[in-house]
Amino acid sequence: MPGAPALWMIDVLTKPGADPMSVLSEVNETMVAEGHTGGRSLPGIYLQLAKARLTALVLITTAVGFIMASGPGRGLDWSTLLWTILGTALSAAAANALNQLAETRRDGLMLRTRHRPLPSGAVGPAHCLIFALVSAAVGLAVLAALVNPFAAGLALLTILLYILLYTPLKTVSTVNTLVGAVCGAIPPLIGWVAAAGTIEPGGWILAGLLFVWQIPHFFSLCWFYRRDYAQGGFVMLPVVDRSGALTCRVIVLSSLALLPLGLAATLLGHTGWVFAGGSIVLGLWLLSYGARLFARPSEVNARRLFLATIIYLPLLLCLMVIGRSVPGALGTVAQAADAVATAPE
């Protein structure tokens, strides 16, 4: 049944004592047996080349950046938002397809990626390259012509960083994760400049939140796929840090860093105290899972942290958007400062 392997993987990975590599092996064998590695529909192949779920996350953060930059005074330009989403989606699809093209051989060595279109033979390299180049050209053209050149420039920068720096670094240095996090932090800036025409402090805060969030998110994922990443020849911190001590410290520190970043959005007047309180509660909740992994390094605790990061981000972004329109009874620090400055003596 279509989609069943993915559902089995999620179901098994959320159970205590699950072995991710055994699950991946079973899923891979099932996909081969059911013909998932060949004969797929072309739209389905394109979705896989674009890494649809990852692209969806990119679009959500882009939309949040656009909404936050619009602000009560500017209003929400729905047509520009839609063009921004379309252009960013095509640009992200291009970057992901080019990444898979560059990593075809290594993807074929890993259980979790060997069923992708290129290593499975569902599509050829030339086809993938054409898809990527057309997607990039159309996406960048849409952003440049129908949004603004600044947004198009940021999208182009993301593609170049992802392909020319992040992808080759994955087999050379653990620094690759930081470069990848930069790529993941740019989409909300695309949304911000699409609405405001420039990057304001709120845009940098949103990008900072995305940058920092990716570290515990990816390291926890990589923790229980360490053997698979090592088999593919990728140099990730959880792979080379055999004891896990350094990885856990980085996870805890990055989780801690989310707390002041959340408060900064309120202090600068972009959200209200509802968001400030919510971001602290969510941040401490996420930190508790990082601390649990630090105290007892294990695949079970890494899996729990990974699931916590998935829950944390959409809740934080929802609070941020709500806080933009409903600052709360106490208002913001910026509003309070303005009130004091203009009050008669």
Protein backbone atom coordinates (compact mmCIF):
# COMPACT_ATOMS: atom_id res chain seq x y z
CA MET A 1 0.00 0.00 0.00
CA PRO A 2 1.40 3.41 -0.97
CA GLY A 3 3.01 5.29 1.90
CA ALA A 4 3.01 2.25 4.18
CA PRO A 5 6.83 1.99 4.54
CA ALA A 6 7.04 5.57 5.79
CA LEU A 7 4.21 4.98 8.25
CA TRP A 8 5.89 1.81 9.52
CA MET A 9 9.15 3.70 10.01
CA ILE A 10 7.49 6.46 12.06
CA ASP A 11 5.54 3.92 14.08
CA VAL A 12 8.56 1.77 14.88
CA LEU A 13 10.94 4.67 15.55
CA THR A 14 8.62 6.05 18.20
CA LYS A 15 8.71 2.79 20.15
CA PRO A 16 11.31 2.24 22.89
CA GLY A 17 14.15 -0.02 21.86
CA ALA A 18 13.62 0.41 18.13
CA ASP A 19 16.72 -0.11 15.98
CA PRO A 20 16.68 2.54 13.22
CA MET A 21 19.01 0.58 10.96
CA SER A 22 16.86 -2.55 11.15
CA VAL A 23 13.79 -0.44 10.40
CA LEU A 24 15.50 1.17 7.41
CA SER A 25 16.58 -2.22 6.08
CA GLU A 26 13.03 -3.55 6.34
CA VAL A 27 11.58 -0.44 4.72
CA ASN A 28 14.10 -0.59 1.88
CA GLU A 29 13.37 -4.26 1.18
CA THR A 30 9.63 -3.55 1.24
CA MET A 31 9.99 -0.68 -1.21
CA VAL A 32 11.99 -2.82 -3.60
CA ALA A 33 9.48 -5.65 -3.34
CA GLU A 34 6.55 -3.29 -4.00
CA GLY A 35 8.27 -1.58 -6.92
CA HIS A 36 8.79 1.77 -5.20
CA THR A 37 12.30 2.09 -6.65
CA GLY A 38 11.14 2.08 -10.23
CA GLY A 39 8.13 2.85 -12.38
CA ARG A 40 7.02 5.77 -10.22
CA SER A 41 4.94 8.58 -11.66
CA LEU A 42 6.88 11.57 -12.91
CA PRO A 43 5.19 14.05 -10.52
CA GLY A 44 6.07 11.73 -7.63
CA ILE A 45 9.68 11.58 -8.78
CA TYR A 46 9.84 15.37 -9.00
CA LEU A 47 8.46 15.65 -5.47
CA GLN A 48 11.20 13.31 -4.26
CA LEU A 49 13.90 15.25 -6.11
CA ALA A 50 12.55 18.43 -4.54
CA LYS A 51 12.47 16.78 -1.08
CA ALA A 52 8.85 17.86 -0.68
CA ARG A 53 8.72 17.69 3.12
CA LEU A 54 11.90 19.74 3.53
CA THR A 55 10.66 22.24 0.95
CA ALA A 56 7.36 22.51 2.83
CA LEU A 57 9.26 23.53 5.97
CA VAL A 58 11.17 26.11 3.93
CA LEU A 59 7.90 27.57 2.65
CA ILE A 60 6.38 27.74 6.13
CA THR A 61 9.34 29.72 7.46
CA THR A 62 9.28 31.94 4.37
CA ALA A 63 5.60 32.69 4.91
CA VAL A 64 6.17 33.46 8.60
CA GLY A 65 8.95 35.87 7.66
CA PHE A 66 6.62 37.58 5.19
CA ILE A 67 3.76 37.83 7.71
CA MET A 68 6.01 39.14 10.49
CA ALA A 69 7.54 41.76 8.18
CA SER A 70 4.12 42.90 6.97
CA GLY A 71 3.15 44.11 10.42
CA PRO A 72 -0.07 45.91 11.34
CA GLY A 73 1.08 49.10 9.61
CA ARG A 74 1.96 47.54 6.27
CA GLY A 75 -0.87 45.08 5.76
CA LEU A 76 -0.61 41.69 4.11
CA ASP A 77 -0.14 41.64 0.33
CA TRP A 78 -1.53 38.22 -0.56
CA SER A 79 -0.48 38.27 -4.23
CA THR A 80 3.14 39.07 -3.34
CA LEU A 81 3.07 36.36 -0.67
CA LEU A 82 1.88 33.77 -3.21
CA TRP A 83 4.57 34.76 -5.73
CA THR A 84 7.17 34.62 -2.96
CA ILE A 85 6.04 31.11 -1.98
CA LEU A 86 6.09 29.92 -5.60
CA GLY A 87 9.53 31.35 -6.36
CA THR A 88 11.01 30.05 -3.11
CA ALA A 89 9.48 26.60 -3.64
CA LEU A 90 11.05 26.27 -7.09
CA SER A 91 14.41 27.54 -5.81
CA ALA A 92 14.37 25.08 -2.92
CA ALA A 93 13.42 22.26 -5.27
CA ALA A 94 16.38 23.14 -7.48
CA ALA A 95 18.83 23.14 -4.57
CA ASN A 96 17.57 19.79 -3.30
CA ALA A 97 17.67 18.17 -6.73
CA LEU A 98 21.23 19.39 -7.37
CA ASN A 99 22.23 18.09 -3.93
CA GLN A 100 20.88 14.63 -4.78
CA LEU A 101 22.63 14.74 -8.14
CA ALA A 102 25.96 15.43 -6.44
CA GLU A 103 25.39 12.73 -3.81
CA THR A 104 23.96 9.96 -6.01
CA ARG A 105 26.74 7.48 -5.28
CA ARG A 106 26.75 8.09 -1.54
CA ASP A 107 22.95 7.99 -1.37
CA GLY A 108 23.16 4.55 -2.92
CA LEU A 109 25.33 3.38 -0.01
CA MET A 110 22.85 4.44 2.68
CA LEU A 111 19.76 2.48 3.63
CA ARG A 112 17.65 5.59 4.23
CA THR A 113 18.45 7.14 0.82
CA ARG A 114 19.15 4.31 -1.62
CA HIS A 115 15.52 4.29 -2.79
CA ARG A 116 15.69 7.92 -3.93
CA PRO A 117 15.07 8.50 -7.67
CA LEU A 118 18.72 8.77 -8.77
CA PRO A 119 20.37 5.84 -6.93
CA SER A 120 17.34 3.63 -7.61
CA GLY A 121 17.46 4.40 -11.32
CA ALA A 122 13.95 5.86 -11.45
CA VAL A 123 15.38 8.92 -13.24
CA GLY A 124 18.68 9.68 -14.93
CA PRO A 125 21.26 12.37 -14.04
CA ALA A 126 20.51 14.45 -17.15
CA HIS A 127 16.79 14.47 -16.37
CA CYS A 128 17.50 15.53 -12.80
CA LEU A 129 19.85 18.30 -13.94
CA ILE A 130 17.28 19.70 -16.38
CA PHE A 131 14.60 19.62 -13.67
CA ALA A 132 16.91 21.47 -11.28
CA LEU A 133 18.04 24.12 -13.76
CA VAL A 134 14.52 24.83 -15.01
CA SER A 135 13.22 25.04 -11.45
CA ALA A 136 16.02 27.42 -10.48
CA ALA A 137 15.58 29.63 -13.55
CA VAL A 138 11.80 29.92 -13.18
CA GLY A 139 11.92 30.34 -9.40
CA LEU A 140 14.55 33.08 -9.49
CA ALA A 141 12.78 34.82 -12.37
CA VAL A 142 9.49 34.83 -10.46
CA LEU A 143 11.15 36.32 -7.39
CA ALA A 144 13.10 38.93 -9.37
CA ALA A 145 10.20 40.05 -11.59
CA LEU A 146 7.17 39.66 -9.33
CA VAL A 147 8.61 40.17 -5.84
CA ASN A 148 11.92 42.06 -5.75
CA PRO A 149 15.57 41.50 -6.75
CA PHE A 150 16.67 41.31 -3.11
CA ALA A 151 14.50 38.25 -2.52
CA ALA A 152 15.80 36.66 -5.71
CA GLY A 153 19.39 37.36 -4.63
CA LEU A 154 18.85 35.63 -1.29
CA ALA A 155 17.32 32.62 -3.04
CA LEU A 156 20.29 32.43 -5.40
CA LEU A 157 22.68 32.73 -2.45
CA THR A 158 20.94 29.82 -0.74
CA ILE A 159 21.25 27.60 -3.82
CA LEU A 160 24.94 28.43 -4.24
CA LEU A 161 25.76 27.89 -0.55
CA TYR A 162 23.85 24.61 -0.51
CA ILE A 163 25.52 23.17 -3.59
CA LEU A 164 28.99 24.74 -3.66
CA LEU A 165 29.77 24.78 0.06
CA TYR A 166 27.44 22.64 2.18
CA THR A 167 27.30 19.59 -0.11
CA PRO A 168 31.08 19.14 -0.57
CA LEU A 169 31.74 19.93 3.12
CA LYS A 170 29.56 17.01 4.21
CA THR A 171 32.39 14.60 3.39
CA VAL A 172 35.17 16.81 4.73
CA SER A 173 34.30 18.59 7.97
CA THR A 174 31.67 18.63 10.70
CA VAL A 175 31.39 22.37 10.05
CA ASN A 176 29.01 21.37 7.25
CA THR A 177 26.12 21.39 9.73
CA LEU A 178 26.64 25.08 10.49
CA VAL A 179 26.74 25.91 6.77
CA GLY A 180 23.59 23.87 6.24
CA ALA A 181 21.95 25.74 9.11
CA VAL A 182 22.79 29.04 7.40
CA CYS A 183 21.00 27.78 4.29
CA GLY A 184 18.01 26.85 6.42
CA ALA A 185 17.97 30.27 8.08
CA ILE A 186 17.78 32.28 4.84
CA PRO A 187 14.17 31.43 3.74
CA PRO A 188 12.52 33.57 6.47
CA LEU A 189 14.76 36.42 5.32
CA ILE A 190 13.45 35.90 1.77
CA GLY A 191 9.93 36.29 3.13
CA TRP A 192 10.94 39.33 5.16
CA VAL A 193 12.54 41.24 2.29
CA ALA A 194 9.66 40.25 0.01
CA ALA A 195 7.30 42.14 2.33
CA ALA A 196 9.52 44.94 3.65
CA GLY A 197 12.10 45.38 0.90
CA THR A 198 14.91 45.17 3.43
CA ILE A 199 16.09 43.02 6.34
CA GLU A 200 15.07 44.48 9.70
CA PRO A 201 16.13 43.31 13.18
CA GLY A 202 13.08 41.07 13.44
CA GLY A 203 14.18 39.21 10.33
CA TRP A 204 17.59 38.50 11.83
CA ILE A 205 15.96 37.21 15.02
CA LEU A 206 13.70 34.85 13.06
CA ALA A 207 16.67 33.66 10.99
CA GLY A 208 18.67 33.19 14.21
CA LEU A 209 15.92 31.04 15.71
CA LEU A 210 15.87 28.85 12.60
CA PHE A 211 19.65 28.60 12.54
CA VAL A 212 19.95 27.53 16.18
CA TRP A 213 16.92 25.19 16.09
CA GLN A 214 18.46 23.15 13.28
CA ILE A 215 21.41 22.09 15.45
CA PRO A 216 19.56 19.99 18.05
CA HIS A 217 17.13 18.91 15.34
CA PHE A 218 19.76 17.56 12.97
CA PHE A 219 22.19 16.22 15.57
CA SER A 220 19.45 14.19 17.25
CA LEU A 221 18.41 12.79 13.85
CA CYS A 222 21.99 12.02 12.93
CA TRP A 223 22.55 10.34 16.31
CA PHE A 224 20.30 7.37 15.58
CA TYR A 225 21.41 7.22 11.93
CA ARG A 226 25.13 7.38 12.74
CA ARG A 227 25.95 4.03 11.14
CA ASP A 228 24.11 4.98 7.98
CA TYR A 229 25.86 8.35 7.68
CA ALA A 230 29.22 6.68 8.32
CA GLN A 231 28.47 4.12 5.61
CA GLY A 232 27.78 6.93 3.17
CA GLY A 233 31.06 8.64 4.08
CA PHE A 234 29.52 11.75 5.60
CA VAL A 235 31.51 13.56 8.30
CA MET A 236 28.89 14.53 10.89
CA LEU A 237 29.64 15.40 14.52
CA PRO A 238 27.54 12.53 15.96
CA VAL A 239 29.46 10.16 13.65
CA VAL A 240 32.99 11.22 14.61
CA ASP A 241 32.13 11.97 18.25
CA ARG A 242 31.88 8.34 19.30
CA SER A 243 31.24 9.01 22.98
CA GLY A 244 28.61 11.61 22.15
CA ALA A 245 29.89 13.97 24.87
CA LEU A 246 30.68 16.88 22.54
CA THR A 247 27.48 16.37 20.55
CA CYS A 248 25.40 16.51 23.73
CA ARG A 249 27.13 19.67 24.92
CA VAL A 250 26.47 21.38 21.59
CA ILE A 251 22.83 20.29 21.72
CA VAL A 252 22.34 21.67 25.23
CA LEU A 253 24.09 24.98 24.43
CA SER A 254 22.12 25.49 21.21
CA SER A 255 18.87 24.69 23.03
CA LEU A 256 19.78 27.27 25.68
CA ALA A 257 20.48 29.85 22.96
CA LEU A 258 16.87 29.62 21.78
CA LEU A 259 15.68 31.24 25.03
CA PRO A 260 17.23 34.73 24.62
CA LEU A 261 16.45 34.73 20.90
CA GLY A 262 12.78 34.29 21.68
CA LEU A 263 12.86 37.12 24.20
CA ALA A 264 14.67 39.38 21.74
CA ALA A 265 11.67 39.33 19.40
CA THR A 266 9.54 40.80 22.18
CA LEU A 267 12.15 43.25 23.43
CA LEU A 268 12.47 44.72 19.94
CA GLY A 269 8.70 45.10 19.62
CA HIS A 270 7.99 42.47 16.96
CA THR A 271 5.84 40.31 19.24
CA GLY A 272 4.14 40.68 22.60
CA TRP A 273 4.58 39.10 25.99
CA VAL A 274 2.33 36.19 25.05
CA PHE A 275 5.04 35.05 22.66
CA ALA A 276 7.80 35.80 25.17
CA GLY A 277 6.19 33.60 27.80
CA GLY A 278 5.35 30.88 25.32
CA SER A 279 8.85 30.85 23.83
CA ILE A 280 10.38 30.43 27.30
CA VAL A 281 8.06 27.55 28.16
CA LEU A 282 8.72 25.84 24.83
CA GLY A 283 12.45 26.50 25.09
CA LEU A 284 12.71 25.02 28.58
CA TRP A 285 10.64 22.04 27.46
CA LEU A 286 12.99 21.41 24.52
CA LEU A 287 16.02 21.98 26.75
CA SER A 288 14.77 19.26 29.12
CA TYR A 289 15.03 16.72 26.30
CA GLY A 290 18.52 17.92 25.43
CA ALA A 291 19.53 17.67 29.09
CA ARG A 292 18.09 14.15 29.25
CA LEU A 293 20.25 13.14 26.28
CA PHE A 294 23.26 14.79 27.93
CA ALA A 295 22.67 12.86 31.16
CA ARG A 296 21.92 9.53 29.45
CA PRO A 297 23.24 9.41 25.87
CA SER A 298 21.20 6.84 23.95
CA GLU A 299 19.31 6.39 20.69
CA VAL A 300 16.04 6.42 22.63
CA ASN A 301 16.72 9.85 24.13
CA ALA A 302 18.04 11.15 20.79
CA ARG A 303 14.81 10.01 19.14
CA ARG A 304 12.74 11.75 21.82
CA LEU A 305 14.69 14.97 21.34
CA PHE A 306 14.22 14.77 17.57
CA LEU A 307 10.45 14.44 17.97
CA ALA A 308 10.49 17.34 20.46
CA THR A 309 12.22 19.59 17.93
CA ILE A 310 9.52 18.75 15.38
CA ILE A 311 6.82 19.80 17.86
CA TYR A 312 8.72 22.88 19.08
CA LEU A 313 9.16 24.76 15.81
CA PRO A 314 5.57 24.94 14.49
CA LEU A 315 4.29 25.88 17.96
CA LEU A 316 6.89 28.64 18.24
CA LEU A 317 6.09 30.00 14.77
CA CYS A 318 2.35 29.94 15.49
CA LEU A 319 2.91 31.88 18.71
CA MET A 320 5.04 34.38 16.83
CA VAL A 321 2.36 35.02 14.20
CA ILE A 322 -0.34 35.29 16.88
CA GLY A 323 1.87 37.63 18.90
CA ARG A 324 2.31 39.89 15.88
CA SER A 325 -1.42 40.63 15.77
CA VAL A 326 -2.21 40.26 19.48
CA PRO A 327 0.67 41.77 21.47
CA GLY A 328 -1.03 41.11 24.77
CA ALA A 329 -2.37 43.28 27.56
CA LEU A 330 1.05 44.46 28.62
CA GLY A 331 2.16 45.42 25.11
CA THR A 332 5.80 45.35 24.15
CA VAL A 333 8.90 46.90 25.61
CA ALA A 334 9.22 49.15 22.58
CA GLN A 335 5.64 50.36 22.99
CA ALA A 336 6.21 50.98 26.69
CA ALA A 337 9.36 52.98 25.95
CA ASP A 338 7.49 55.09 23.42
CA ALA A 339 4.72 55.74 25.93
CA VAL A 340 7.22 56.91 28.57
CA ALA A 341 9.06 59.11 26.09
CA THR A 342 5.89 60.88 24.93
CA ALA A 343 4.21 61.19 28.33
CA PRO A 344 3.85 64.78 29.62
CA GLU A 345 6.11 65.72 32.53
